[in-house]
Amino acid sequence: MPVIWLIAGVLLAIAELFTLDFVLIMLAVGAFAAAAAGLVVSVPLQVVVFTVVSGLGLFAVRPAIKRHIHRGADPAVMGVDAIEGSEATVVEQVAEGRGMVKIGGELWSARPYDATQIIDEGVQVRVVEVKGATALVWKE
């Protein structure tokens, strides 16, 4: 049985090279520990060793490794969060729930954040909020 654990460990370690998420390598370490335990204990205890070592790796070691690797990294703002607060140019008059703006080279439907505002074409505005596929903009 230790040979099967070793083969599983090697395959898991190789598979980790393709994911780079430190999940499969933790399972590989568990398989290697079960292989070592297989030299002296029965199969059910090998499964317990695999489970305990893999679980500790996944829930204790992996988060610490990920924190260490990403320490000091600038968190990337993505999606709607990246758009909110940015500047846009009005390409079609924005008034009462209609209009178009260009945000970073992309056209978005827009409406004024303040429903009483009418914003003419060519004016620079700020994106206050995004609701669905509509940017709520504010003329400064």
N, C-alpha and C. Protein backbone atom coordinates (compact mmCIF):
# COMPACT_ATOMS: atom_id res chain seq x y z
N MET A 1 0.81 -1.21 0.00
CA MET A 1 0.00 0.00 0.00
C MET A 1 0.86 1.28 0.00
N PRO A 2 2.03 1.31 0.64
CA PRO A 2 2.83 2.54 0.61
C PRO A 2 3.20 2.98 -0.82
N VAL A 3 3.35 2.02 -1.73
CA VAL A 3 3.69 2.37 -3.11
C VAL A 3 2.56 3.15 -3.77
N ILE A 4 1.33 2.77 -3.48
CA ILE A 4 0.17 3.48 -4.05
C ILE A 4 0.13 4.91 -3.51
N TRP A 5 0.40 5.08 -2.23
CA TRP A 5 0.44 6.42 -1.64
C TRP A 5 1.55 7.25 -2.29
N LEU A 6 2.71 6.64 -2.53
CA LEU A 6 3.81 7.36 -3.17
C LEU A 6 3.45 7.80 -4.59
N ILE A 7 2.84 6.90 -5.34
CA ILE A 7 2.42 7.24 -6.71
C ILE A 7 1.40 8.37 -6.68
N ALA A 8 0.43 8.28 -5.77
CA ALA A 8 -0.58 9.33 -5.65
C ALA A 8 0.08 10.66 -5.28
N GLY A 9 1.03 10.61 -4.36
CA GLY A 9 1.74 11.82 -3.95
C GLY A 9 2.49 12.47 -5.10
N VAL A 10 3.19 11.66 -5.87
CA VAL A 10 3.94 12.18 -7.01
C VAL A 10 2.98 12.78 -8.05
N LEU A 11 1.90 12.09 -8.35
CA LEU A 11 0.93 12.61 -9.32
C LEU A 11 0.30 13.92 -8.84
N LEU A 12 -0.02 13.98 -7.56
CA LEU A 12 -0.59 15.21 -7.01
C LEU A 12 0.42 16.36 -7.06
N ALA A 13 1.68 16.06 -6.76
CA ALA A 13 2.71 17.10 -6.81
C ALA A 13 2.91 17.60 -8.24
N ILE A 14 2.88 16.70 -9.20
CA ILE A 14 3.01 17.12 -10.60
C ILE A 14 1.80 17.95 -11.03
N ALA A 15 0.62 17.52 -10.62
CA ALA A 15 -0.60 18.27 -10.97
C ALA A 15 -0.57 19.67 -10.36
N GLU A 16 0.05 19.83 -9.19
CA GLU A 16 0.16 21.14 -8.55
C GLU A 16 0.91 22.13 -9.44
N LEU A 17 1.84 21.64 -10.22
CA LEU A 17 2.60 22.52 -11.11
C LEU A 17 1.69 23.23 -12.11
N PHE A 18 0.54 22.66 -12.40
CA PHE A 18 -0.39 23.26 -13.35
C PHE A 18 -1.40 24.20 -12.68
N THR A 19 -1.63 24.03 -11.38
CA THR A 19 -2.60 24.87 -10.71
C THR A 19 -1.96 25.99 -9.90
N LEU A 20 -0.84 25.71 -9.25
CA LEU A 20 -0.11 26.69 -8.43
C LEU A 20 -1.00 27.34 -7.38
N ASP A 21 -1.87 26.55 -6.78
CA ASP A 21 -2.78 27.08 -5.76
C ASP A 21 -2.52 26.47 -4.39
N PHE A 22 -1.52 25.61 -4.27
CA PHE A 22 -1.11 24.98 -3.02
C PHE A 22 -2.17 24.07 -2.40
N VAL A 23 -3.11 23.60 -3.18
CA VAL A 23 -4.09 22.64 -2.69
C VAL A 23 -3.58 21.22 -2.93
N LEU A 24 -3.24 20.95 -4.17
CA LEU A 24 -2.81 19.60 -4.52
C LEU A 24 -1.49 19.22 -3.84
N ILE A 25 -0.63 20.19 -3.61
CA ILE A 25 0.64 19.88 -2.93
C ILE A 25 0.40 19.50 -1.48
N MET A 26 -0.62 20.08 -0.87
CA MET A 26 -0.95 19.70 0.51
C MET A 26 -1.49 18.27 0.55
N LEU A 27 -2.26 17.90 -0.47
CA LEU A 27 -2.74 16.52 -0.57
C LEU A 27 -1.57 15.58 -0.85
N ALA A 28 -0.60 16.03 -1.64
CA ALA A 28 0.58 15.21 -1.93
C ALA A 28 1.37 14.95 -0.65
N VAL A 29 1.52 15.98 0.17
CA VAL A 29 2.24 15.80 1.45
C VAL A 29 1.49 14.80 2.32
N GLY A 30 0.18 14.89 2.33
CA GLY A 30 -0.62 13.91 3.08
C GLY A 30 -0.41 12.49 2.55
N ALA A 31 -0.32 12.35 1.23
CA ALA A 31 -0.08 11.03 0.63
C ALA A 31 1.30 10.51 1.00
N PHE A 32 2.30 11.38 0.99
CA PHE A 32 3.66 10.96 1.39
C PHE A 32 3.70 10.56 2.87
N ALA A 33 2.97 11.29 3.71
CA ALA A 33 2.91 10.94 5.13
C ALA A 33 2.21 9.59 5.30
N ALA A 34 1.16 9.34 4.54
CA ALA A 34 0.46 8.05 4.61
C ALA A 34 1.37 6.93 4.12
N ALA A 35 2.20 7.20 3.11
CA ALA A 35 3.14 6.19 2.62
C ALA A 35 4.15 5.84 3.70
N ALA A 36 4.64 6.87 4.39
CA ALA A 36 5.58 6.61 5.48
C ALA A 36 4.90 5.84 6.61
N ALA A 37 3.68 6.21 6.92
CA ALA A 37 2.95 5.51 7.97
C ALA A 37 2.62 4.09 7.55
N GLY A 38 2.50 3.86 6.24
CA GLY A 38 2.17 2.54 5.72
C GLY A 38 3.24 1.49 6.01
N LEU A 39 4.41 1.94 6.37
CA LEU A 39 5.47 1.00 6.71
C LEU A 39 5.24 0.33 8.07
N VAL A 40 4.40 0.97 8.92
CA VAL A 40 4.22 0.43 10.28
C VAL A 40 2.76 0.28 10.72
N VAL A 41 1.81 0.89 10.00
CA VAL A 41 0.41 0.82 10.45
C VAL A 41 -0.49 0.24 9.35
N SER A 42 -1.71 -0.09 9.74
CA SER A 42 -2.68 -0.68 8.81
C SER A 42 -3.28 0.38 7.87
N VAL A 43 -4.00 -0.08 6.86
CA VAL A 43 -4.59 0.80 5.86
C VAL A 43 -5.56 1.82 6.46
N PRO A 44 -6.46 1.44 7.36
CA PRO A 44 -7.36 2.45 7.93
C PRO A 44 -6.59 3.58 8.64
N LEU A 45 -5.50 3.24 9.31
CA LEU A 45 -4.71 4.29 9.97
C LEU A 45 -3.94 5.13 8.95
N GLN A 46 -3.59 4.54 7.82
CA GLN A 46 -2.95 5.31 6.76
C GLN A 46 -3.91 6.38 6.22
N VAL A 47 -5.16 5.99 6.09
CA VAL A 47 -6.18 6.93 5.63
C VAL A 47 -6.34 8.06 6.64
N VAL A 48 -6.30 7.72 7.92
CA VAL A 48 -6.40 8.74 8.97
C VAL A 48 -5.20 9.68 8.89
N VAL A 49 -4.00 9.14 8.71
CA VAL A 49 -2.80 9.97 8.59
C VAL A 49 -2.92 10.89 7.38
N PHE A 50 -3.35 10.34 6.25
CA PHE A 50 -3.54 11.16 5.04
C PHE A 50 -4.52 12.30 5.31
N THR A 51 -5.64 11.98 5.93
CA THR A 51 -6.68 12.99 6.20
C THR A 51 -6.18 14.07 7.13
N VAL A 52 -5.53 13.68 8.22
CA VAL A 52 -5.06 14.65 9.21
C VAL A 52 -3.97 15.54 8.62
N VAL A 53 -2.99 14.95 7.98
CA VAL A 53 -1.87 15.74 7.44
C VAL A 53 -2.37 16.66 6.31
N SER A 54 -3.21 16.15 5.43
CA SER A 54 -3.75 16.98 4.35
C SER A 54 -4.60 18.11 4.91
N GLY A 55 -5.44 17.80 5.89
CA GLY A 55 -6.29 18.82 6.51
C GLY A 55 -5.48 19.91 7.18
N LEU A 56 -4.43 19.52 7.92
CA LEU A 56 -3.57 20.52 8.54
C LEU A 56 -2.88 21.38 7.49
N GLY A 57 -2.46 20.74 6.43
CA GLY A 57 -1.82 21.50 5.35
C GLY A 57 -2.76 22.49 4.71
N LEU A 58 -3.98 22.04 4.44
CA LEU A 58 -4.95 22.90 3.76
C LEU A 58 -5.43 24.05 4.64
N PHE A 59 -5.64 23.78 5.93
CA PHE A 59 -6.26 24.78 6.79
C PHE A 59 -5.29 25.54 7.69
N ALA A 60 -4.03 25.10 7.78
CA ALA A 60 -3.06 25.81 8.61
C ALA A 60 -1.87 26.31 7.78
N VAL A 61 -1.28 25.43 7.01
CA VAL A 61 -0.06 25.79 6.29
C VAL A 61 -0.36 26.60 5.03
N ARG A 62 -1.33 26.17 4.24
CA ARG A 62 -1.64 26.86 2.98
C ARG A 62 -1.99 28.33 3.17
N PRO A 63 -2.86 28.71 4.12
CA PRO A 63 -3.14 30.14 4.30
C PRO A 63 -1.89 30.94 4.67
N ALA A 64 -1.02 30.35 5.48
CA ALA A 64 0.20 31.06 5.85
C ALA A 64 1.10 31.27 4.64
N ILE A 65 1.21 30.27 3.79
CA ILE A 65 2.02 30.39 2.58
C ILE A 65 1.43 31.46 1.66
N LYS A 66 0.11 31.44 1.47
CA LYS A 66 -0.53 32.42 0.59
C LYS A 66 -0.34 33.84 1.13
N ARG A 67 -0.45 34.02 2.46
CA ARG A 67 -0.23 35.34 3.05
C ARG A 67 1.20 35.80 2.81
N HIS A 68 2.13 34.90 2.98
CA HIS A 68 3.54 35.25 2.80
C HIS A 68 3.83 35.64 1.35
N ILE A 69 3.28 34.91 0.41
CA ILE A 69 3.51 35.20 -1.00
C ILE A 69 2.88 36.53 -1.41
N HIS A 70 1.69 36.82 -0.91
CA HIS A 70 0.97 38.02 -1.31
C HIS A 70 1.24 39.22 -0.39
N ARG A 71 2.15 39.05 0.56
CA ARG A 71 2.47 40.14 1.49
C ARG A 71 3.01 41.33 0.70
N GLY A 72 2.50 42.50 0.95
CA GLY A 72 2.96 43.71 0.30
C GLY A 72 2.44 43.92 -1.11
N ALA A 73 1.65 42.99 -1.61
CA ALA A 73 1.10 43.14 -2.96
C ALA A 73 -0.01 44.18 -2.94
N ASP A 74 -0.06 44.96 -3.98
CA ASP A 74 -1.10 45.97 -4.11
C ASP A 74 -2.37 45.28 -4.58
N PRO A 75 -3.45 45.31 -3.79
CA PRO A 75 -4.67 44.62 -4.21
C PRO A 75 -5.24 45.27 -5.47
N ALA A 76 -5.49 44.45 -6.47
CA ALA A 76 -6.02 44.95 -7.73
C ALA A 76 -7.52 45.19 -7.61
N VAL A 77 -7.95 46.36 -8.04
CA VAL A 77 -9.36 46.69 -8.05
C VAL A 77 -9.90 46.25 -9.40
N MET A 78 -10.97 45.46 -9.37
CA MET A 78 -11.50 44.91 -10.62
C MET A 78 -13.00 45.09 -10.69
N GLY A 79 -13.52 44.92 -11.88
CA GLY A 79 -14.96 44.94 -12.09
C GLY A 79 -15.57 46.32 -11.86
N VAL A 80 -16.75 46.33 -11.30
CA VAL A 80 -17.48 47.57 -11.06
C VAL A 80 -16.72 48.48 -10.10
N ASP A 81 -16.00 47.89 -9.14
CA ASP A 81 -15.25 48.70 -8.19
C ASP A 81 -14.20 49.55 -8.88
N ALA A 82 -13.66 49.07 -9.99
CA ALA A 82 -12.66 49.83 -10.74
C ALA A 82 -13.29 50.99 -11.49
N ILE A 83 -14.56 50.87 -11.82
CA ILE A 83 -15.24 51.91 -12.60
C ILE A 83 -15.76 53.02 -11.70
N GLU A 84 -16.29 52.65 -10.55
CA GLU A 84 -16.84 53.65 -9.65
C GLU A 84 -15.73 54.59 -9.19
N GLY A 85 -16.00 55.89 -9.32
CA GLY A 85 -15.02 56.90 -8.95
C GLY A 85 -14.16 57.37 -10.11
N SER A 86 -14.26 56.70 -11.25
CA SER A 86 -13.44 57.09 -12.40
C SER A 86 -14.12 58.21 -13.18
N GLU A 87 -13.35 58.82 -14.08
CA GLU A 87 -13.89 59.88 -14.93
C GLU A 87 -14.45 59.29 -16.21
N ALA A 88 -15.41 59.98 -16.77
CA ALA A 88 -16.03 59.55 -18.03
C ALA A 88 -16.32 60.79 -18.86
N THR A 89 -16.49 60.57 -20.14
CA THR A 89 -16.85 61.65 -21.06
C THR A 89 -18.22 61.36 -21.63
N VAL A 90 -19.08 62.35 -21.57
CA VAL A 90 -20.44 62.20 -22.09
C VAL A 90 -20.38 62.21 -23.61
N VAL A 91 -20.91 61.17 -24.24
CA VAL A 91 -20.94 61.10 -25.71
C VAL A 91 -22.36 61.32 -26.25
N GLU A 92 -23.34 61.21 -25.38
CA GLU A 92 -24.73 61.49 -25.74
C GLU A 92 -25.37 62.10 -24.49
N GLN A 93 -26.07 63.21 -24.66
CA GLN A 93 -26.63 63.93 -23.52
C GLN A 93 -27.22 62.97 -22.47
N VAL A 94 -26.85 63.22 -21.20
CA VAL A 94 -27.33 62.41 -20.09
C VAL A 94 -28.40 63.21 -19.35
N ALA A 95 -29.61 62.66 -19.34
CA ALA A 95 -30.72 63.33 -18.66
C ALA A 95 -31.83 62.32 -18.41
N GLU A 96 -32.46 62.41 -17.27
CA GLU A 96 -33.64 61.62 -16.91
C GLU A 96 -33.57 60.16 -17.37
N GLY A 97 -32.54 59.46 -16.97
CA GLY A 97 -32.46 58.03 -17.22
C GLY A 97 -32.01 57.62 -18.60
N ARG A 98 -31.43 58.53 -19.36
CA ARG A 98 -30.92 58.15 -20.67
C ARG A 98 -29.62 58.90 -20.94
N GLY A 99 -28.84 58.33 -21.83
CA GLY A 99 -27.58 58.96 -22.22
C GLY A 99 -26.47 57.92 -22.30
N MET A 100 -25.33 58.36 -22.84
CA MET A 100 -24.17 57.47 -23.01
C MET A 100 -22.91 58.20 -22.56
N VAL A 101 -22.03 57.44 -21.92
CA VAL A 101 -20.72 57.97 -21.54
C VAL A 101 -19.64 56.99 -21.99
N LYS A 102 -18.44 57.51 -22.12
CA LYS A 102 -17.30 56.68 -22.47
C LYS A 102 -16.42 56.60 -21.23
N ILE A 103 -16.23 55.36 -20.74
CA ILE A 103 -15.42 55.12 -19.54
C ILE A 103 -14.26 54.24 -19.97
N GLY A 104 -13.07 54.79 -19.95
CA GLY A 104 -11.89 54.00 -20.31
C GLY A 104 -11.99 53.36 -21.67
N GLY A 105 -12.56 54.04 -22.64
CA GLY A 105 -12.66 53.50 -23.99
C GLY A 105 -13.90 52.66 -24.25
N GLU A 106 -14.72 52.44 -23.24
CA GLU A 106 -15.93 51.64 -23.40
C GLU A 106 -17.17 52.54 -23.27
N LEU A 107 -18.17 52.26 -24.10
CA LEU A 107 -19.43 53.00 -24.02
C LEU A 107 -20.35 52.36 -22.98
N TRP A 108 -20.91 53.19 -22.13
CA TRP A 108 -21.84 52.74 -21.09
C TRP A 108 -23.11 53.58 -21.19
N SER A 109 -24.25 52.93 -20.93
CA SER A 109 -25.47 53.72 -20.78
C SER A 109 -25.34 54.44 -19.45
N ALA A 110 -25.91 55.62 -19.40
CA ALA A 110 -25.74 56.44 -18.19
C ALA A 110 -27.00 57.21 -17.88
N ARG A 111 -27.08 57.59 -16.63
CA ARG A 111 -28.12 58.53 -16.20
C ARG A 111 -27.51 59.37 -15.10
N PRO A 112 -28.04 60.55 -14.90
CA PRO A 112 -27.45 61.42 -13.88
C PRO A 112 -27.74 60.90 -12.47
N TYR A 113 -26.76 61.03 -11.59
CA TYR A 113 -26.93 60.63 -10.20
C TYR A 113 -28.01 61.51 -9.56
N ASP A 114 -27.97 62.78 -9.91
CA ASP A 114 -29.00 63.73 -9.48
C ASP A 114 -29.99 63.85 -10.65
N ALA A 115 -31.19 63.35 -10.47
CA ALA A 115 -32.17 63.28 -11.56
C ALA A 115 -32.48 64.63 -12.17
N THR A 116 -32.16 65.73 -11.50
CA THR A 116 -32.47 67.05 -12.04
C THR A 116 -31.38 67.55 -12.99
N GLN A 117 -30.22 66.89 -12.99
CA GLN A 117 -29.12 67.34 -13.84
C GLN A 117 -29.35 66.95 -15.31
N ILE A 118 -28.93 67.82 -16.18
CA ILE A 118 -28.87 67.54 -17.61
C ILE A 118 -27.42 67.81 -18.01
N ILE A 119 -26.75 66.78 -18.53
CA ILE A 119 -25.32 66.89 -18.83
C ILE A 119 -25.13 66.77 -20.34
N ASP A 120 -24.55 67.79 -20.91
CA ASP A 120 -24.39 67.85 -22.37
C ASP A 120 -23.20 67.02 -22.84
N GLU A 121 -23.21 66.75 -24.14
CA GLU A 121 -22.17 65.97 -24.81
C GLU A 121 -20.81 66.66 -24.66
N GLY A 122 -19.77 65.86 -24.42
CA GLY A 122 -18.40 66.38 -24.31
C GLY A 122 -17.97 66.76 -22.91
N VAL A 123 -18.88 66.75 -21.96
CA VAL A 123 -18.58 67.15 -20.58
C VAL A 123 -17.94 65.99 -19.83
N GLN A 124 -16.93 66.29 -19.01
CA GLN A 124 -16.30 65.30 -18.16
C GLN A 124 -17.16 65.11 -16.91
N VAL A 125 -17.43 63.87 -16.55
CA VAL A 125 -18.24 63.55 -15.38
C VAL A 125 -17.51 62.50 -14.54
N ARG A 126 -17.99 62.31 -13.34
CA ARG A 126 -17.44 61.28 -12.46
C ARG A 126 -18.50 60.19 -12.27
N VAL A 127 -18.06 58.93 -12.36
CA VAL A 127 -18.97 57.80 -12.14
C VAL A 127 -19.12 57.63 -10.63
N VAL A 128 -20.32 57.84 -10.14
CA VAL A 128 -20.59 57.73 -8.71
C VAL A 128 -20.93 56.30 -8.32
N GLU A 129 -21.69 55.64 -9.19
CA GLU A 129 -22.19 54.31 -8.87
C GLU A 129 -22.53 53.58 -10.17
N VAL A 130 -22.51 52.26 -10.12
CA VAL A 130 -22.94 51.48 -11.28
C VAL A 130 -24.09 50.60 -10.82
N LYS A 131 -25.20 50.69 -11.52
CA LYS A 131 -26.37 49.85 -11.23
C LYS A 131 -26.67 49.05 -12.48
N GLY A 132 -26.43 47.74 -12.38
CA GLY A 132 -26.60 46.89 -13.55
C GLY A 132 -25.58 47.27 -14.60
N ALA A 133 -26.05 47.66 -15.77
CA ALA A 133 -25.16 48.10 -16.85
C ALA A 133 -25.27 49.60 -17.08
N THR A 134 -25.74 50.33 -16.07
CA THR A 134 -25.92 51.77 -16.18
C THR A 134 -25.03 52.49 -15.18
N ALA A 135 -24.28 53.47 -15.69
CA ALA A 135 -23.42 54.27 -14.82
C ALA A 135 -24.20 55.49 -14.35
N LEU A 136 -24.18 55.72 -13.05
CA LEU A 136 -24.78 56.93 -12.50
C LEU A 136 -23.66 57.94 -12.38
N VAL A 137 -23.81 59.06 -13.09
CA VAL A 137 -22.71 60.03 -13.19
C VAL A 137 -23.07 61.35 -12.54
N TRP A 138 -22.03 62.11 -12.21
CA TRP A 138 -22.17 63.40 -11.54
C TRP A 138 -21.32 64.43 -12.26
N LYS A 139 -21.93 65.52 -12.63
CA LYS A 139 -21.21 66.63 -13.26
C LYS A 139 -20.59 67.48 -12.16
N GLU A 140 -19.30 67.63 -12.23
CA GLU A 140 -18.60 68.40 -11.17
C GLU A 140 -18.50 69.86 -11.50
